[in-house]
Amino acid sequence: MTNIPSVDLKKFLSDDAQQKQAFVNEIGSAYEEIGFVSLKSHFLDEQLMSDLYREVKAFFDLPEPTKSKYEREELAGQRGYVSFGKEHAKGRTKGDLKEFWHFGQEPEADANLSETYPENLKVEELPNFYPTGMKAYRALEKTGIYVLRALAIYIGLEETYFDYWAKNGNSILRPIHYPPITEEPKGAVRAGAHGDINLITLLMGASTGGLQVKRKDGEWIDAKPDEGDLVINVGDMLERHTNNKLRSTIHRVVNPPREEWDKPRYSIPFFMHPRSDMKLDCLPQCIDKNNPKHYDDITAGEFLNQRLAEIGLAKK
């Protein structure tokens, strides 16, 4: 395998039962083998992607003192701005060569959540930044729900098993800016090798290059989606919940060749989290004598808090 598999969501959305099952089989087997797919026919249209990139670039072009107004330490990076080099991969101390912003969940009035989410911050200098970001948030959330429905079927669960937990979940949309590299990085990379914390991640912007995925044999391959596709991967929560049936694959964003150091990179991942009270206990459907239970019981909220401390966004 030299690239991640490509799948088309319109198969799952069709009225043809065979097409729907074909998508389930394709994405399920891809997530067992490599943990990543390139997805076509998602709900994030070309105009919205263009609008979002325009707003994101405008934000990161703001002066540092302006951006820093929106960095709130008490939010542990869960909303607003996180400055350059603040986050690092689990197990590393060298900060990643990036800065980013977080849009978070705005739950429905009848969500009956066991927690209160922080409010989103609005950038007064850019009146369209917040509404554009939240419109993209909803399109990605909708796409993620359908991907999780396909995975529920693949695992042997009822199709809407994840719906309650993922709708109104603690999901994050993260526009990332990797600035031009101006001096020798001295071991730092744009994003160190890591697995994602959440259920699944839906990524815009991987077509600009740099994203690499680690195969089972330890070799790194470039993830090269078609223009306009989303790259979608399994996170650690889903790997844990499925008792390692679905793989949370280690990935990284490597620095470009020296002759391209002057080029910035933008990517926009949507980290799909469940409600914090979802139990990530290993599913009985994924436990047998050949694959005994690998993990202790834990809730999504407990797991998230552990990992935020490990990557430097929350205090231990």
Protein backbone atom coordinates (compact mmCIF):
# COMPACT_ATOMS: atom_id res chain seq x y z
CA MET A 1 0.00 0.00 0.00
CA THR A 2 1.53 3.29 -1.17
CA ASN A 3 -1.43 5.59 -0.51
CA ILE A 4 -4.49 5.62 1.70
CA PRO A 5 -7.65 3.97 0.27
CA SER A 6 -10.30 6.14 -1.41
CA VAL A 7 -14.01 5.68 -0.58
CA ASP A 8 -17.16 7.45 -1.76
CA LEU A 9 -19.86 8.37 0.77
CA LYS A 10 -22.56 8.49 -1.94
CA LYS A 11 -22.52 4.68 -1.92
CA PHE A 12 -23.58 4.67 1.73
CA LEU A 13 -26.22 7.35 1.10
CA SER A 14 -27.74 5.50 -1.86
CA ASP A 15 -30.97 3.49 -1.74
CA ASP A 16 -29.09 0.46 -3.08
CA ALA A 17 -28.46 -1.96 -0.19
CA GLN A 18 -25.53 -3.56 -2.02
CA GLN A 19 -23.86 -0.19 -2.58
CA LYS A 20 -24.37 0.74 1.06
CA GLN A 21 -22.86 -2.53 2.25
CA ALA A 22 -19.97 -2.13 -0.18
CA PHE A 23 -19.09 1.20 1.46
CA VAL A 24 -19.33 -0.38 4.92
CA ASN A 25 -16.94 -3.15 3.86
CA GLU A 26 -14.52 -0.77 2.15
CA ILE A 27 -14.18 1.71 4.99
CA GLY A 28 -14.20 -0.97 7.69
CA SER A 29 -11.43 -3.00 6.09
CA ALA A 30 -9.41 0.17 5.42
CA TYR A 31 -9.65 1.12 9.08
CA GLU A 32 -8.52 -2.35 10.13
CA GLU A 33 -5.55 -2.21 7.77
CA ILE A 34 -4.27 1.40 7.75
CA GLY A 35 -6.70 3.51 9.82
CA PHE A 36 -7.07 6.21 7.14
CA VAL A 37 -9.26 6.85 4.09
CA SER A 38 -9.76 9.62 1.55
CA LEU A 39 -13.49 10.41 1.39
CA LYS A 40 -15.45 11.76 -1.57
CA SER A 41 -19.03 13.14 -1.64
CA HIS A 42 -18.94 14.68 1.83
CA PHE A 43 -21.12 17.61 2.95
CA LEU A 44 -18.45 20.32 2.87
CA ASP A 45 -18.99 21.99 -0.50
CA GLU A 46 -16.30 23.70 -2.55
CA GLN A 47 -17.55 27.24 -1.88
CA LEU A 48 -17.62 26.71 1.88
CA MET A 49 -14.10 25.30 1.83
CA SER A 50 -12.93 28.34 -0.13
CA ASP A 51 -14.68 30.73 2.27
CA LEU A 52 -13.19 28.99 5.29
CA TYR A 53 -9.64 29.09 3.93
CA ARG A 54 -10.04 32.80 3.21
CA GLU A 55 -11.16 33.53 6.78
CA VAL A 56 -8.51 31.28 8.32
CA LYS A 57 -5.69 32.91 6.38
CA ALA A 58 -7.01 36.34 7.34
CA PHE A 59 -6.94 35.40 11.02
CA PHE A 60 -3.40 34.03 11.01
CA ASP A 61 -2.24 37.13 9.11
CA LEU A 62 -3.34 39.33 12.02
CA PRO A 63 -0.55 40.87 14.16
CA GLU A 64 0.65 38.72 17.06
CA PRO A 65 -0.70 41.11 19.74
CA THR A 66 -4.14 40.89 18.13
CA LYS A 67 -4.15 37.10 17.98
CA SER A 68 -2.88 36.85 21.55
CA LYS A 69 -6.05 38.59 22.78
CA TYR A 70 -7.86 35.34 21.98
CA GLU A 71 -5.52 32.97 23.81
CA ARG A 72 -7.06 32.04 27.16
CA GLU A 73 -4.95 29.84 29.42
CA GLU A 74 -7.91 28.90 31.60
CA LEU A 75 -9.54 27.17 28.60
CA ALA A 76 -6.61 24.72 28.21
CA GLY A 77 -6.59 25.34 24.49
CA GLN A 78 -10.17 24.16 24.03
CA ARG A 79 -11.41 27.43 22.51
CA GLY A 80 -9.80 30.31 20.69
CA TYR A 81 -6.15 30.76 19.80
CA VAL A 82 -3.16 28.56 20.69
CA SER A 83 0.15 30.21 19.88
CA PHE A 84 3.13 28.86 17.97
CA GLY A 85 4.98 25.91 19.52
CA LYS A 86 2.60 25.48 22.47
CA GLU A 87 1.42 21.92 21.64
CA HIS A 88 3.64 18.87 21.27
CA ALA A 89 3.07 15.20 20.46
CA LYS A 90 2.63 12.75 23.34
CA GLY A 91 6.05 11.67 24.58
CA ARG A 92 7.84 14.68 23.07
CA THR A 93 8.89 17.96 24.65
CA LYS A 94 9.76 19.87 21.46
CA GLY A 95 6.83 22.06 20.45
CA ASP A 96 5.27 21.59 17.02
CA LEU A 97 5.89 24.27 14.39
CA LYS A 98 2.31 25.48 14.25
CA GLU A 99 -0.32 27.81 15.68
CA PHE A 100 -4.05 27.11 15.62
CA TRP A 101 -7.59 28.11 16.54
CA HIS A 102 -10.40 26.07 18.10
CA PHE A 103 -14.10 26.26 17.30
CA GLY A 104 -16.15 24.11 19.70
CA GLN A 105 -19.58 22.56 20.07
CA GLU A 106 -22.67 24.70 20.54
CA PRO A 107 -25.18 22.12 21.78
CA GLU A 108 -28.88 22.00 21.04
CA ALA A 109 -31.19 23.36 23.74
CA ASP A 110 -32.53 19.88 24.56
CA ALA A 111 -29.14 18.10 24.52
CA ASN A 112 -29.33 17.24 28.25
CA LEU A 113 -25.55 17.31 28.61
CA SER A 114 -23.81 16.27 31.80
CA GLU A 115 -21.24 19.04 31.27
CA THR A 116 -21.04 22.66 30.15
CA TYR A 117 -18.90 23.45 27.12
CA PRO A 118 -16.83 26.65 27.00
CA GLU A 119 -18.24 29.38 24.78
CA ASN A 120 -16.67 30.04 21.41
CA LEU A 121 -14.61 33.19 21.10
CA LYS A 122 -15.46 35.68 18.33
CA VAL A 123 -12.78 37.66 16.54
CA GLU A 124 -14.00 41.24 16.46
CA GLU A 125 -11.56 42.13 13.67
CA LEU A 126 -13.07 39.46 11.34
CA PRO A 127 -16.90 39.38 11.53
CA ASN A 128 -17.21 36.44 9.10
CA PHE A 129 -14.63 34.21 10.79
CA TYR A 130 -16.96 32.73 13.42
CA PRO A 131 -20.08 32.13 11.26
CA THR A 132 -18.02 30.58 8.46
CA GLY A 133 -16.17 28.33 10.89
CA MET A 134 -19.38 27.11 12.54
CA LYS A 135 -21.03 26.44 9.17
CA ALA A 136 -18.08 24.23 8.27
CA TYR A 137 -18.25 22.66 11.74
CA ARG A 138 -21.84 21.51 11.07
CA ALA A 139 -21.01 20.13 7.60
CA LEU A 140 -18.12 18.10 9.01
CA GLU A 141 -20.16 16.91 11.99
CA LYS A 142 -22.88 15.67 9.61
CA THR A 143 -20.29 13.85 7.50
CA GLY A 144 -18.79 12.26 10.60
CA ILE A 145 -22.15 10.97 11.79
CA TYR A 146 -22.59 9.02 8.55
CA VAL A 147 -19.08 7.61 8.72
CA LEU A 148 -19.75 6.42 12.28
CA ARG A 149 -23.02 4.84 11.13
CA ALA A 150 -21.12 2.81 8.55
CA LEU A 151 -18.61 1.74 11.19
CA ALA A 152 -21.38 0.76 13.61
CA ILE A 153 -22.74 -1.62 10.98
CA TYR A 154 -19.25 -2.97 10.28
CA ILE A 155 -18.66 -3.70 13.97
CA GLY A 156 -22.06 -5.41 14.33
CA LEU A 157 -23.89 -2.65 16.22
CA GLU A 158 -27.19 -0.95 15.45
CA GLU A 159 -26.57 1.67 12.74
CA THR A 160 -27.34 4.73 14.89
CA TYR A 161 -25.36 3.50 17.93
CA PHE A 162 -22.98 6.49 17.84
CA ASP A 163 -25.61 9.14 17.00
CA TYR A 164 -26.55 10.11 20.55
CA TRP A 165 -22.93 10.26 21.70
CA ALA A 166 -21.53 12.15 18.70
CA LYS A 167 -24.35 14.66 18.20
CA ASN A 168 -23.76 17.46 20.70
CA GLY A 169 -20.42 15.83 21.43
CA ASN A 170 -17.31 17.70 22.53
CA SER A 171 -15.98 18.02 18.97
CA ILE A 172 -13.38 20.58 17.88
CA LEU A 173 -12.70 22.28 14.53
CA ARG A 174 -9.05 23.29 14.40
CA PRO A 175 -7.71 25.55 11.64
CA ILE A 176 -3.90 25.17 11.73
CA HIS A 177 -1.21 27.46 10.32
CA TYR A 178 2.29 26.10 9.77
CA PRO A 179 4.29 29.29 9.12
CA PRO A 180 7.27 29.46 6.75
CA ILE A 181 10.39 27.93 8.31
CA THR A 182 12.98 30.67 8.76
CA GLU A 183 15.81 28.79 10.50
CA GLU A 184 17.03 25.26 11.09
CA PRO A 185 14.23 23.53 13.09
CA LYS A 186 16.68 21.60 15.35
CA GLY A 187 14.54 18.49 15.65
CA ALA A 188 11.15 20.20 15.61
CA VAL A 189 8.62 19.24 12.94
CA ARG A 190 5.33 20.74 11.86
CA ALA A 191 3.46 18.00 13.74
CA GLY A 192 5.28 15.21 15.56
CA ALA A 193 4.29 11.56 15.16
CA HIS A 194 1.07 10.99 17.10
CA GLY A 195 -2.32 9.32 17.23
CA ASP A 196 -5.44 11.44 17.57
CA ILE A 197 -7.36 11.42 20.85
CA ASN A 198 -10.94 11.32 19.56
CA LEU A 199 -13.35 8.95 17.76
CA ILE A 200 -12.55 10.01 14.18
CA THR A 201 -10.79 12.99 12.58
CA LEU A 202 -11.97 14.63 9.36
CA LEU A 203 -9.21 16.67 7.71
CA MET A 204 -9.30 19.43 5.10
CA GLY A 205 -6.05 20.54 3.52
CA ALA A 206 -4.04 17.33 3.35
CA SER A 207 -3.76 17.76 -0.43
CA THR A 208 -1.14 20.47 0.17
CA GLY A 209 1.34 17.77 1.20
CA GLY A 210 3.32 16.86 4.29
CA LEU A 211 0.94 14.38 5.94
CA GLN A 212 2.48 10.94 6.39
CA VAL A 213 0.94 7.75 7.77
CA LYS A 214 2.78 4.82 9.37
CA ARG A 215 1.95 1.40 7.90
CA LYS A 216 1.84 -1.80 9.96
CA ASP A 217 5.33 -2.68 8.75
CA GLY A 218 6.71 0.58 10.14
CA GLU A 219 7.16 2.33 6.78
CA TRP A 220 5.91 5.90 6.37
CA ILE A 221 3.76 6.68 3.32
CA ASP A 222 2.51 10.02 2.04
CA ALA A 223 -1.26 10.52 2.36
CA LYS A 224 -2.27 11.98 -1.00
CA PRO A 225 -6.04 12.52 -1.28
CA ASP A 226 -7.66 13.84 -4.42
CA GLU A 227 -8.34 17.57 -4.47
CA GLY A 228 -11.46 18.31 -2.42
CA ASP A 229 -11.50 14.99 -0.58
CA LEU A 230 -11.47 14.75 3.19
CA VAL A 231 -8.91 12.54 4.89
CA ILE A 232 -10.67 10.66 7.71
CA ASN A 233 -8.86 8.57 10.30
CA VAL A 234 -9.62 6.56 13.42
CA GLY A 235 -8.69 8.13 16.76
CA ASP A 236 -7.54 6.52 20.00
CA MET A 237 -11.03 6.59 21.57
CA LEU A 238 -12.48 4.47 18.76
CA GLU A 239 -9.49 2.13 18.72
CA ARG A 240 -9.95 1.62 22.45
CA HIS A 241 -13.74 1.17 22.19
CA THR A 242 -13.30 -1.45 19.43
CA ASN A 243 -10.53 -3.23 21.36
CA ASN A 244 -7.99 -2.55 18.57
CA LYS A 245 -10.24 -3.83 15.77
CA LEU A 246 -10.14 -0.39 14.13
CA ARG A 247 -6.68 1.21 14.08
CA SER A 248 -5.64 4.62 15.34
CA THR A 249 -2.61 4.96 13.09
CA ILE A 250 0.41 7.04 13.99
CA HIS A 251 0.83 9.99 11.61
CA ARG A 252 2.87 13.18 11.31
CA VAL A 253 3.31 16.35 9.28
CA VAL A 254 6.89 16.53 8.04
CA ASN A 255 8.82 19.66 7.22
CA PRO A 256 9.00 20.49 3.52
CA PRO A 257 12.25 20.38 1.51
CA ARG A 258 14.53 23.31 2.29
CA GLU A 259 13.68 24.99 -1.02
CA GLU A 260 10.04 25.16 0.13
CA TRP A 261 10.65 26.46 3.65
CA ASP A 262 9.27 29.85 2.62
CA LYS A 263 5.80 28.39 1.94
CA PRO A 264 3.20 28.32 4.75
CA ARG A 265 0.85 25.36 5.11
CA TYR A 266 -2.76 25.38 6.26
CA SER A 267 -4.86 22.40 7.28
CA ILE A 268 -8.20 22.16 9.04
CA PRO A 269 -8.98 18.99 11.03
CA PHE A 270 -12.32 18.32 12.71
CA PHE A 271 -11.76 16.19 15.80
CA MET A 272 -15.01 14.31 16.41
CA HIS A 273 -15.43 13.71 20.13
CA PRO A 274 -18.37 12.10 21.90
CA ARG A 275 -20.13 13.41 24.97
CA SER A 276 -17.78 13.15 27.91
CA ASP A 277 -19.93 10.59 29.74
CA MET A 278 -19.70 8.04 26.91
CA LYS A 279 -18.13 4.84 28.19
CA LEU A 280 -15.17 3.71 26.08
CA ASP A 281 -15.30 0.19 27.54
CA CYS A 282 -14.22 -2.42 24.99
CA LEU A 283 -17.28 -3.55 23.03
CA PRO A 284 -18.30 -7.20 23.54
CA GLN A 285 -18.53 -7.54 19.73
CA CYS A 286 -14.77 -6.89 19.56
CA ILE A 287 -13.65 -9.31 22.29
CA ASP A 288 -12.97 -13.02 21.75
CA LYS A 289 -10.39 -15.64 22.68
CA ASN A 290 -8.06 -14.44 19.93
CA ASN A 291 -8.49 -10.78 20.88
CA PRO A 292 -8.99 -10.53 24.65
CA LYS A 293 -9.86 -7.24 26.32
CA HIS A 294 -6.88 -4.86 26.05
CA TYR A 295 -8.04 -1.79 28.00
CA ASP A 296 -9.44 -0.82 31.37
CA ASP A 297 -12.85 0.87 31.46
CA ILE A 298 -12.81 4.66 31.15
CA THR A 299 -15.11 7.47 30.02
CA ALA A 300 -14.38 9.76 27.09
CA GLY A 301 -14.04 12.75 29.41
CA GLU A 302 -11.51 11.02 31.66
CA PHE A 303 -9.49 9.88 28.67
CA LEU A 304 -9.52 13.36 27.09
CA ASN A 305 -8.28 15.03 30.28
CA GLN A 306 -5.40 12.57 30.54
CA ARG A 307 -4.32 13.21 26.98
CA LEU A 308 -4.61 17.01 27.11
CA ALA A 309 -2.09 16.98 29.95
CA GLU A 310 0.21 14.62 28.02
CA ILE A 311 0.37 16.92 24.97
CA GLY A 312 0.92 20.12 26.95
CA LEU A 313 -2.47 21.81 26.65
CA ALA A 314 -3.65 21.17 30.21
CA LYS A 315 -1.86 21.08 33.54
CA LYS A 316 -1.19 17.64 35.02
